[in-house]
Amino acid sequence: MATRILTEAAASISELKANPMKVALSAHGEAIAILNRNEPAFYCIPADTYEFMMDHIEDLELCAIAEQRKNEGSVKVSLSDL
Protein backbone atom coordinates (compact mmCIF):
# COMPACT_ATOMS: atom_id res chain seq x y z
CA MET A 1 0.00 0.00 0.00
CA ALA A 2 1.40 3.41 -0.99
CA THR A 3 1.65 6.06 1.69
CA ARG A 4 1.58 9.80 1.04
CA ILE A 5 4.50 11.76 2.39
CA LEU A 6 3.50 15.39 2.77
CA THR A 7 7.00 16.91 2.75
CA GLU A 8 9.89 17.41 0.39
CA ALA A 9 12.37 16.02 2.95
CA ALA A 10 12.37 12.70 4.78
CA ALA A 11 14.70 10.89 7.18
CA SER A 12 14.66 7.57 8.96
CA ILE A 13 14.20 7.04 12.68
CA SER A 14 17.79 5.74 12.75
CA GLU A 15 19.11 8.96 11.22
CA LEU A 16 17.08 10.98 13.71
CA LYS A 17 18.43 8.98 16.66
CA ALA A 18 22.01 9.33 15.44
CA ASN A 19 21.93 13.10 14.99
CA PRO A 20 18.62 14.85 15.68
CA MET A 21 19.81 18.40 15.02
CA LYS A 22 21.44 17.45 11.72
CA VAL A 23 18.17 15.89 10.56
CA ALA A 24 16.10 18.87 11.73
CA LEU A 25 18.40 21.39 10.06
CA SER A 26 18.63 19.40 6.82
CA ALA A 27 15.10 20.50 5.87
CA HIS A 28 16.16 24.19 5.92
CA GLY A 29 13.24 25.34 8.09
CA GLU A 30 10.61 23.16 6.42
CA ALA A 31 8.80 20.14 7.83
CA ILE A 32 10.55 16.79 7.56
CA ALA A 33 8.88 13.37 7.53
CA ILE A 34 10.40 10.85 9.92
CA LEU A 35 10.04 7.37 8.49
CA ASN A 36 9.78 4.05 10.26
CA ARG A 37 10.17 1.12 7.84
CA ASN A 38 9.60 3.53 4.93
CA GLU A 39 6.27 4.73 6.34
CA PRO A 40 5.83 8.21 7.85
CA ALA A 41 5.79 7.87 11.65
CA PHE A 42 5.57 11.60 12.37
CA TYR A 43 6.54 15.00 11.04
CA CYS A 44 9.20 17.20 12.59
CA ILE A 45 8.58 20.93 12.19
CA PRO A 46 10.40 24.03 13.42
CA ALA A 47 9.02 25.76 16.52
CA ASP A 48 7.95 28.91 14.65
CA THR A 49 6.02 26.80 12.13
CA TYR A 50 4.27 24.96 14.98
CA GLU A 51 3.36 28.27 16.65
CA PHE A 52 1.99 29.60 13.35
CA MET A 53 -0.10 26.44 12.87
CA MET A 54 -1.52 26.62 16.39
CA ASP A 55 -2.45 30.31 15.93
CA HIS A 56 -4.10 29.48 12.61
CA ILE A 57 -6.08 26.60 14.14
CA GLU A 58 -7.25 28.88 16.96
CA ASP A 59 -8.33 31.50 14.39
CA LEU A 60 -10.30 28.86 12.48
CA GLU A 61 -12.02 27.73 15.69
CA LEU A 62 -12.93 31.34 16.56
CA CYS A 63 -14.29 31.88 13.03
CA ALA A 64 -16.47 28.79 13.41
CA ILE A 65 -17.84 30.09 16.74
CA ALA A 66 -18.51 33.52 15.18
CA GLU A 67 -20.26 31.87 12.23
CA GLN A 68 -22.49 29.88 14.62
CA ARG A 69 -23.37 32.97 16.65
CA LYS A 70 -23.93 35.47 13.84
CA ASN A 71 -27.64 34.63 13.56
CA GLU A 72 -28.30 34.76 17.29
CA GLY A 73 -30.26 37.66 18.65
CA SER A 74 -28.28 40.63 19.90
CA VAL A 75 -28.34 41.94 23.46
CA LYS A 76 -28.68 45.66 24.04
CA VAL A 77 -26.15 47.01 26.53
CA SER A 78 -25.47 50.59 27.52
CA LEU A 79 -21.92 51.88 27.86
CA SER A 80 -22.48 52.55 31.56
CA ASP A 81 -23.31 48.84 32.07
CA LEU A 82 -19.91 47.89 30.74
PDB file of N, CA and C in Angstrom:
ATOM      1  N   MET A   1       0.836  -1.176   0.000  1.00  0.00           N
ATOM      2  CA  MET A   1       0.000   0.000   0.000  1.00  0.00           C
ATOM      3  C   MET A   1       0.885   1.244   0.000  1.00  0.00           C
ATOM      4  N   ALA A   2       0.631   2.167  -0.910  1.00  0.00           N
ATOM      5  CA  ALA A   2       1.403   3.405  -0.995  1.00  0.00           C
ATOM      6  C   ALA A   2       0.956   4.375   0.088  1.00  0.00           C
ATOM      7  N   THR A   3       1.923   5.085   0.641  1.00  0.00           N
ATOM      8  CA  THR A   3       1.645   6.060   1.685  1.00  0.00           C
ATOM      9  C   THR A   3       2.082   7.436   1.200  1.00  0.00           C
ATOM     10  N   ARG A   4       1.232   8.424   1.412  1.00  0.00           N
ATOM     11  CA  ARG A   4       1.578   9.798   1.038  1.00  0.00           C
ATOM     12  C   ARG A   4       2.553  10.383   2.036  1.00  0.00           C
ATOM     13  N   ILE A   5       3.582  11.011   1.549  1.00  0.00           N
ATOM     14  CA  ILE A   5       4.503  11.757   2.391  1.00  0.00           C
ATOM     15  C   ILE A   5       4.299  13.224   2.034  1.00  0.00           C
ATOM     16  N   LEU A   6       3.936  14.018   3.015  1.00  0.00           N
ATOM     17  CA  LEU A   6       3.503  15.387   2.767  1.00  0.00           C
ATOM     18  C   LEU A   6       4.626  16.417   2.887  1.00  0.00           C
ATOM     19  N   THR A   7       5.856  15.999   2.685  1.00  0.00           N
ATOM     20  CA  THR A   7       6.995  16.911   2.754  1.00  0.00           C
ATOM     21  C   THR A   7       7.955  16.638   1.608  1.00  0.00           C
ATOM     22  N   GLU A   8       8.838  17.587   1.381  1.00  0.00           N
ATOM     23  CA  GLU A   8       9.891  17.406   0.390  1.00  0.00           C
ATOM     24  C   GLU A   8      11.024  16.561   0.972  1.00  0.00           C
ATOM     25  N   ALA A   9      11.245  16.692   2.288  1.00  0.00           N
ATOM     26  CA  ALA A   9      12.370  16.020   2.947  1.00  0.00           C
ATOM     27  C   ALA A   9      11.869  14.881   3.830  1.00  0.00           C
ATOM     28  N   ALA A  10      12.684  13.847   3.924  1.00  0.00           N
ATOM     29  CA  ALA A  10      12.369  12.704   4.776  1.00  0.00           C
ATOM     30  C   ALA A  10      13.659  12.146   5.355  1.00  0.00           C
ATOM     31  N   ALA A  11      13.552  11.534   6.527  1.00  0.00           N
ATOM     32  CA  ALA A  11      14.699  10.892   7.180  1.00  0.00           C
ATOM     33  C   ALA A  11      14.178   9.695   7.958  1.00  0.00           C
ATOM     34  N   SER A  12      15.061   8.764   8.196  1.00  0.00           N
ATOM     35  CA  SER A  12      14.660   7.569   8.957  1.00  0.00           C
ATOM     36  C   SER A  12      14.772   7.831  10.461  1.00  0.00           C
ATOM     37  N   ILE A  13      14.103   6.981  11.211  1.00  0.00           N
ATOM     38  CA  ILE A  13      14.203   7.038  12.677  1.00  0.00           C
ATOM     39  C   ILE A  13      15.662   6.864  13.090  1.00  0.00           C
ATOM     40  N   SER A  14      16.376   5.979  12.426  1.00  0.00           N
ATOM     41  CA  SER A  14      17.791   5.737  12.748  1.00  0.00           C
ATOM     42  C   SER A  14      18.621   6.998  12.561  1.00  0.00           C
ATOM     43  N   GLU A  15      18.395   7.704  11.448  1.00  0.00           N
ATOM     44  CA  GLU A  15      19.110   8.960  11.221  1.00  0.00           C
ATOM     45  C   GLU A  15      18.779   9.978  12.309  1.00  0.00           C
ATOM     46  N   LEU A  16      17.503  10.042  12.678  1.00  0.00           N
ATOM     47  CA  LEU A  16      17.076  10.979  13.709  1.00  0.00           C
ATOM     48  C   LEU A  16      17.736  10.663  15.049  1.00  0.00           C
ATOM     49  N   LYS A  17      17.794   9.377  15.401  1.00  0.00           N
ATOM     50  CA  LYS A  17      18.430   8.981  16.663  1.00  0.00           C
ATOM     51  C   LYS A  17      19.925   9.298  16.659  1.00  0.00           C
ATOM     52  N   ALA A  18      20.565   9.118  15.524  1.00  0.00           N
ATOM     53  CA  ALA A  18      22.008   9.325  15.436  1.00  0.00           C
ATOM     54  C   ALA A  18      22.383  10.801  15.566  1.00  0.00           C
ATOM     55  N   ASN A  19      21.608  11.679  14.937  1.00  0.00           N
ATOM     56  CA  ASN A  19      21.935  13.099  14.985  1.00  0.00           C
ATOM     57  C   ASN A  19      20.673  13.938  14.767  1.00  0.00           C
ATOM     58  N   PRO A  20      19.897  14.150  15.827  1.00  0.00           N
ATOM     59  CA  PRO A  20      18.616  14.846  15.677  1.00  0.00           C
ATOM     60  C   PRO A  20      18.724  16.253  15.084  1.00  0.00           C
ATOM     61  N   MET A  21      19.696  17.033  15.527  1.00  0.00           N
ATOM     62  CA  MET A  21      19.805  18.402  15.022  1.00  0.00           C
ATOM     63  C   MET A  21      20.212  18.431  13.548  1.00  0.00           C
ATOM     64  N   LYS A  22      21.057  17.516  13.131  1.00  0.00           N
ATOM     65  CA  LYS A  22      21.444  17.454  11.724  1.00  0.00           C
ATOM     66  C   LYS A  22      20.220  17.167  10.856  1.00  0.00           C
ATOM     67  N   VAL A  23      19.387  16.239  11.307  1.00  0.00           N
ATOM     68  CA  VAL A  23      18.167  15.894  10.564  1.00  0.00           C
ATOM     69  C   VAL A  23      17.233  17.092  10.522  1.00  0.00           C
ATOM     70  N   ALA A  24      17.017  17.727  11.673  1.00  0.00           N
ATOM     71  CA  ALA A  24      16.097  18.868  11.732  1.00  0.00           C
ATOM     72  C   ALA A  24      16.575  20.005  10.843  1.00  0.00           C
ATOM     73  N   LEU A  25      17.851  20.287  10.854  1.00  0.00           N
ATOM     74  CA  LEU A  25      18.397  21.389  10.062  1.00  0.00           C
ATOM     75  C   LEU A  25      18.493  21.069   8.573  1.00  0.00           C
ATOM     76  N   SER A  26      18.493  19.793   8.228  1.00  0.00           N
ATOM     77  CA  SER A  26      18.627  19.397   6.818  1.00  0.00           C
ATOM     78  C   SER A  26      17.418  19.804   5.979  1.00  0.00           C
ATOM     79  N   ALA A  27      16.302  20.092   6.609  1.00  0.00           N
ATOM     80  CA  ALA A  27      15.098  20.495   5.871  1.00  0.00           C
ATOM     81  C   ALA A  27      15.046  22.003   5.657  1.00  0.00           C
ATOM     82  N   HIS A  28      16.052  22.738   6.146  1.00  0.00           N
ATOM     83  CA  HIS A  28      16.157  24.186   5.924  1.00  0.00           C
ATOM     84  C   HIS A  28      14.894  24.934   6.345  1.00  0.00           C
ATOM     85  N   GLY A  29      14.395  24.628   7.543  1.00  0.00           N
ATOM     86  CA  GLY A  29      13.238  25.337   8.088  1.00  0.00           C
ATOM     87  C   GLY A  29      11.893  24.790   7.676  1.00  0.00           C
ATOM     88  N   GLU A  30      11.870  23.782   6.849  1.00  0.00           N
ATOM     89  CA  GLU A  30      10.614  23.163   6.417  1.00  0.00           C
ATOM     90  C   GLU A  30      10.337  21.925   7.265  1.00  0.00           C
ATOM     91  N   ALA A  31       9.147  21.383   7.131  1.00  0.00           N
ATOM     92  CA  ALA A  31       8.802  20.143   7.826  1.00  0.00           C
ATOM     93  C   ALA A  31       9.590  18.988   7.222  1.00  0.00           C
ATOM     94  N   ILE A  32       9.850  17.982   8.033  1.00  0.00           N
ATOM     95  CA  ILE A  32      10.547  16.788   7.560  1.00  0.00           C
ATOM     96  C   ILE A  32       9.789  15.559   8.048  1.00  0.00           C
ATOM     97  N   ALA A  33       9.562  14.617   7.166  1.00  0.00           N
ATOM     98  CA  ALA A  33       8.882  13.373   7.532  1.00  0.00           C
ATOM     99  C   ALA A  33       9.899  12.428   8.150  1.00  0.00           C
ATOM    100  N   ILE A  34       9.551  11.860   9.285  1.00  0.00           N
ATOM    101  CA  ILE A  34      10.397  10.850   9.920  1.00  0.00           C
ATOM    102  C   ILE A  34       9.764   9.495   9.631  1.00  0.00           C
ATOM    103  N   LEU A  35      10.551   8.655   8.965  1.00  0.00           N
ATOM    104  CA  LEU A  35      10.039   7.369   8.486  1.00  0.00           C
ATOM    105  C   LEU A  35      10.444   6.219   9.390  1.00  0.00           C
ATOM    106  N   ASN A  36       9.531   5.303   9.572  1.00  0.00           N
ATOM    107  CA  ASN A  36       9.780   4.046  10.262  1.00  0.00           C
ATOM    108  C   ASN A  36       9.393   2.939   9.296  1.00  0.00           C
ATOM    109  N   ARG A  37      10.377   2.170   8.849  1.00  0.00           N
ATOM    110  CA  ARG A  37      10.165   1.125   7.840  1.00  0.00           C
ATOM    111  C   ARG A  37       9.516   1.700   6.582  1.00  0.00           C
ATOM    112  N   ASN A  38      10.051   2.844   6.142  1.00  0.00           N
ATOM    113  CA  ASN A  38       9.604   3.533   4.926  1.00  0.00           C
ATOM    114  C   ASN A  38       8.166   4.041   4.973  1.00  0.00           C
ATOM    115  N   GLU A  39       7.601   4.155   6.144  1.00  0.00           N
ATOM    116  CA  GLU A  39       6.268   4.725   6.344  1.00  0.00           C
ATOM    117  C   GLU A  39       6.419   5.941   7.244  1.00  0.00           C
ATOM    118  N   PRO A  40       5.708   7.048   6.971  1.00  0.00           N
ATOM    119  CA  PRO A  40       5.828   8.210   7.849  1.00  0.00           C
ATOM    120  C   PRO A  40       5.311   7.889   9.256  1.00  0.00           C
ATOM    121  N   ALA A  41       6.171   8.089  10.249  1.00  0.00           N
ATOM    122  CA  ALA A  41       5.789   7.865  11.648  1.00  0.00           C
ATOM    123  C   ALA A  41       5.300   9.171  12.271  1.00  0.00           C
ATOM    124  N   PHE A  42       5.977  10.269  11.921  1.00  0.00           N
ATOM    125  CA  PHE A  42       5.573  11.598  12.373  1.00  0.00           C
ATOM    126  C   PHE A  42       6.307  12.636  11.547  1.00  0.00           C
ATOM    127  N   TYR A  43       5.902  13.892  11.734  1.00  0.00           N
ATOM    128  CA  TYR A  43       6.543  15.000  11.040  1.00  0.00           C
ATOM    129  C   TYR A  43       7.225  15.886  12.067  1.00  0.00           C
ATOM    130  N   CYS A  44       8.413  16.317  11.750  1.00  0.00           N
ATOM    131  CA  CYS A  44       9.200  17.199  12.594  1.00  0.00           C
ATOM    132  C   CYS A  44       9.143  18.584  11.961  1.00  0.00           C
ATOM    133  N   ILE A  45       8.684  19.577  12.732  1.00  0.00           N
ATOM    134  CA  ILE A  45       8.580  20.931  12.187  1.00  0.00           C
ATOM    135  C   ILE A  45       9.270  21.915  13.121  1.00  0.00           C
ATOM    136  N   PRO A  46       9.766  23.016  12.578  1.00  0.00           N
ATOM    137  CA  PRO A  46      10.398  24.035  13.420  1.00  0.00           C
ATOM    138  C   PRO A  46       9.385  24.661  14.387  1.00  0.00           C
ATOM    139  N   ALA A  47       9.886  25.179  15.489  1.00  0.00           N
ATOM    140  CA  ALA A  47       9.024  25.762  16.525  1.00  0.00           C
ATOM    141  C   ALA A  47       8.174  26.908  15.986  1.00  0.00           C
ATOM    142  N   ASP A  48       8.741  27.776  15.158  1.00  0.00           N
ATOM    143  CA  ASP A  48       7.953  28.908  14.651  1.00  0.00           C
ATOM    144  C   ASP A  48       6.840  28.442  13.718  1.00  0.00           C
ATOM    145  N   THR A  49       7.059  27.375  12.982  1.00  0.00           N
ATOM    146  CA  THR A  49       6.016  26.805  12.135  1.00  0.00           C
ATOM    147  C   THR A  49       4.892  26.216  12.984  1.00  0.00           C
ATOM    148  N   TYR A  50       5.262  25.526  14.064  1.00  0.00           N
ATOM    149  CA  TYR A  50       4.266  24.957  14.975  1.00  0.00           C
ATOM    150  C   TYR A  50       3.428  26.073  15.599  1.00  0.00           C
ATOM    151  N   GLU A  51       4.082  27.150  16.052  1.00  0.00           N
ATOM    152  CA  GLU A  51       3.360  28.272  16.654  1.00  0.00           C
ATOM    153  C   GLU A  51       2.399  28.894  15.643  1.00  0.00           C
ATOM    154  N   PHE A  52       2.842  29.065  14.392  1.00  0.00           N
ATOM    155  CA  PHE A  52       1.986  29.601  13.348  1.00  0.00           C
ATOM    156  C   PHE A  52       0.766  28.694  13.135  1.00  0.00           C
ATOM    157  N   MET A  53       0.999  27.390  13.074  1.00  0.00           N
ATOM    158  CA  MET A  53      -0.100  26.444  12.869  1.00  0.00           C
ATOM    159  C   MET A  53      -1.108  26.509  14.015  1.00  0.00           C
ATOM    160  N   MET A  54      -0.617  26.575  15.239  1.00  0.00           N
ATOM    161  CA  MET A  54      -1.517  26.624  16.395  1.00  0.00           C
ATOM    162  C   MET A  54      -2.337  27.915  16.388  1.00  0.00           C
ATOM    163  N   ASP A  55      -1.713  29.047  16.037  1.00  0.00           N
ATOM    164  CA  ASP A  55      -2.446  30.308  15.932  1.00  0.00           C
ATOM    165  C   ASP A  55      -3.507  30.222  14.841  1.00  0.00           C
ATOM    166  N   HIS A  56      -3.161  29.621  13.720  1.00  0.00           N
ATOM    167  CA  HIS A  56      -4.097  29.482  12.609  1.00  0.00           C
ATOM    168  C   HIS A  56      -5.280  28.586  13.001  1.00  0.00           C
ATOM    169  N   ILE A  57      -5.006  27.497  13.682  1.00  0.00           N
ATOM    170  CA  ILE A  57      -6.081  26.604  14.137  1.00  0.00           C
ATOM    171  C   ILE A  57      -7.007  27.339  15.095  1.00  0.00           C
ATOM    172  N   GLU A  58      -6.429  28.112  16.017  1.00  0.00           N
ATOM    173  CA  GLU A  58      -7.246  28.883  16.957  1.00  0.00           C
ATOM    174  C   GLU A  58      -8.124  29.888  16.205  1.00  0.00           C
ATOM    175  N   ASP A  59      -7.551  30.561  15.195  1.00  0.00           N
ATOM    176  CA  ASP A  59      -8.328  31.498  14.392  1.00  0.00           C
ATOM    177  C   ASP A  59      -9.481  30.794  13.688  1.00  0.00           C
ATOM    178  N   LEU A  60      -9.233  29.609  13.147  1.00  0.00           N
ATOM    179  CA  LEU A  60     -10.299  28.856  12.484  1.00  0.00           C
ATOM    180  C   LEU A  60     -11.409  28.474  13.459  1.00  0.00           C
ATOM    181  N   GLU A  61     -11.025  28.079  14.671  1.00  0.00           N
ATOM    182  CA  GLU A  61     -12.025  27.735  15.688  1.00  0.00           C
ATOM    183  C   GLU A  61     -12.854  28.957  16.071  1.00  0.00           C
ATOM    184  N   LEU A  62     -12.206  30.117  16.219  1.00  0.00           N
ATOM    185  CA  LEU A  62     -12.930  31.343  16.555  1.00  0.00           C
ATOM    186  C   LEU A  62     -13.864  31.758  15.419  1.00  0.00           C
ATOM    187  N   CYS A  63     -13.428  31.578  14.176  1.00  0.00           N
ATOM    188  CA  CYS A  63     -14.293  31.880  13.027  1.00  0.00           C
ATOM    189  C   CYS A  63     -15.528  30.979  13.022  1.00  0.00           C
ATOM    190  N   ALA A  64     -15.341  29.719  13.369  1.00  0.00           N
ATOM    191  CA  ALA A  64     -16.472  28.789  13.414  1.00  0.00           C
ATOM    192  C   ALA A  64     -17.460  29.203  14.497  1.00  0.00           C
ATOM    193  N   ILE A  65     -16.960  29.625  15.654  1.00  0.00           N
ATOM    194  CA  ILE A  65     -17.837  30.092  16.737  1.00  0.00           C
ATOM    195  C   ILE A  65     -18.583  31.348  16.293  1.00  0.00           C
ATOM    196  N   ALA A  66     -17.874  32.291  15.669  1.00  0.00           N
ATOM    197  CA  ALA A  66     -18.514  33.524  15.183  1.00  0.00           C
ATOM    198  C   ALA A  66     -19.582  33.205  14.147  1.00  0.00           C
ATOM    199  N   GLU A  67     -19.295  32.270  13.263  1.00  0.00           N
ATOM    200  CA  GLU A  67     -20.263  31.871  12.232  1.00  0.00           C
ATOM    201  C   GLU A  67     -21.523  31.282  12.875  1.00  0.00           C
ATOM    202  N   GLN A  68     -21.342  30.463  13.914  1.00  0.00           N
ATOM    203  CA  GLN A  68     -22.491  29.878  14.624  1.00  0.00           C
ATOM    204  C   GLN A  68     -23.335  30.966  15.283  1.00  0.00           C
ATOM    205  N   ARG A  69     -22.676  31.957  15.840  1.00  0.00           N
ATOM    206  CA  ARG A  69     -23.367  32.967  16.645  1.00  0.00           C
ATOM    207  C   ARG A  69     -23.903  34.136  15.840  1.00  0.00           C
ATOM    208  N   LYS A  70     -23.558  34.267  14.582  1.00  0.00           N
ATOM    209  CA  LYS A  70     -23.933  35.474  13.845  1.00  0.00           C
ATOM    210  C   LYS A  70     -25.436  35.627  13.663  1.00  0.00           C
ATOM    211  N   ASN A  71     -26.192  34.548  13.726  1.00  0.00           N
ATOM    212  CA  ASN A  71     -27.641  34.628  13.562  1.00  0.00           C
ATOM    213  C   ASN A  71     -28.392  34.663  14.887  1.00  0.00           C
ATOM    214  N   GLU A  72     -27.648  34.657  15.984  1.00  0.00           N
ATOM    215  CA  GLU A  72     -28.296  34.756  17.291  1.00  0.00           C
ATOM    216  C   GLU A  72     -28.766  36.186  17.507  1.00  0.00           C
ATOM    217  N   GLY A  73     -29.766  36.323  18.342  1.00  0.00           N
ATOM    218  CA  GLY A  73     -30.264  37.660  18.652  1.00  0.00           C
ATOM    219  C   GLY A  73     -29.215  38.467  19.403  1.00  0.00           C
ATOM    220  N   SER A  74     -29.235  39.774  19.212  1.00  0.00           N
ATOM    221  CA  SER A  74     -28.284  40.627  19.905  1.00  0.00           C
ATOM    222  C   SER A  74     -28.840  41.056  21.255  1.00  0.00           C
ATOM    223  N   VAL A  75     -27.958  41.479  22.122  1.00  0.00           N
ATOM    224  CA  VAL A  75     -28.336  41.937  23.458  1.00  0.00           C
ATOM    225  C   VAL A  75     -27.969  43.407  23.547  1.00  0.00           C
ATOM    226  N   LYS A  76     -28.933  44.237  23.907  1.00  0.00           N
ATOM    227  CA  LYS A  76     -28.678  45.663  24.042  1.00  0.00           C
ATOM    228  C   LYS A  76     -28.014  45.924  25.381  1.00  0.00           C
ATOM    229  N   VAL A  77     -26.913  46.678  25.330  1.00  0.00           N
ATOM    230  CA  VAL A  77     -26.149  47.007  26.529  1.00  0.00           C
ATOM    231  C   VAL A  77     -25.752  48.471  26.429  1.00  0.00           C
ATOM    232  N   SER A  78     -25.903  49.195  27.528  1.00  0.00           N
ATOM    233  CA  SER A  78     -25.467  50.591  27.518  1.00  0.00           C
ATOM    234  C   SER A  78     -23.997  50.655  27.925  1.00  0.00           C
ATOM    235  N   LEU A  79     -23.338  51.724  27.528  1.00  0.00           N
ATOM    236  CA  LEU A  79     -21.923  51.880  27.863  1.00  0.00           C
ATOM    237  C   LEU A  79     -21.710  51.931  29.368  1.00  0.00           C
ATOM    238  N   SER A  80     -22.642  52.469  30.107  1.00  0.00           N
ATOM    239  CA  SER A  80     -22.480  52.545  31.556  1.00  0.00           C
ATOM    240  C   SER A  80     -22.568  51.166  32.215  1.00  0.00           C
ATOM    241  N   ASP A  81     -23.230  50.208  31.545  1.00  0.00           N
ATOM    242  CA  ASP A  81     -23.307  48.844  32.072  1.00  0.00           C
ATOM    243  C   ASP A  81     -21.994  48.092  31.895  1.00  0.00           C
ATOM    244  N   LEU A  82     -21.174  48.552  30.988  1.00  0.00           N
ATOM    245  CA  LEU A  82     -19.906  47.894  30.740  1.00  0.00           C
ATOM    246  C   LEU A  82     -18.930  48.307  31.781  1.00  0.00           C
TER     247      LEU A  82
END
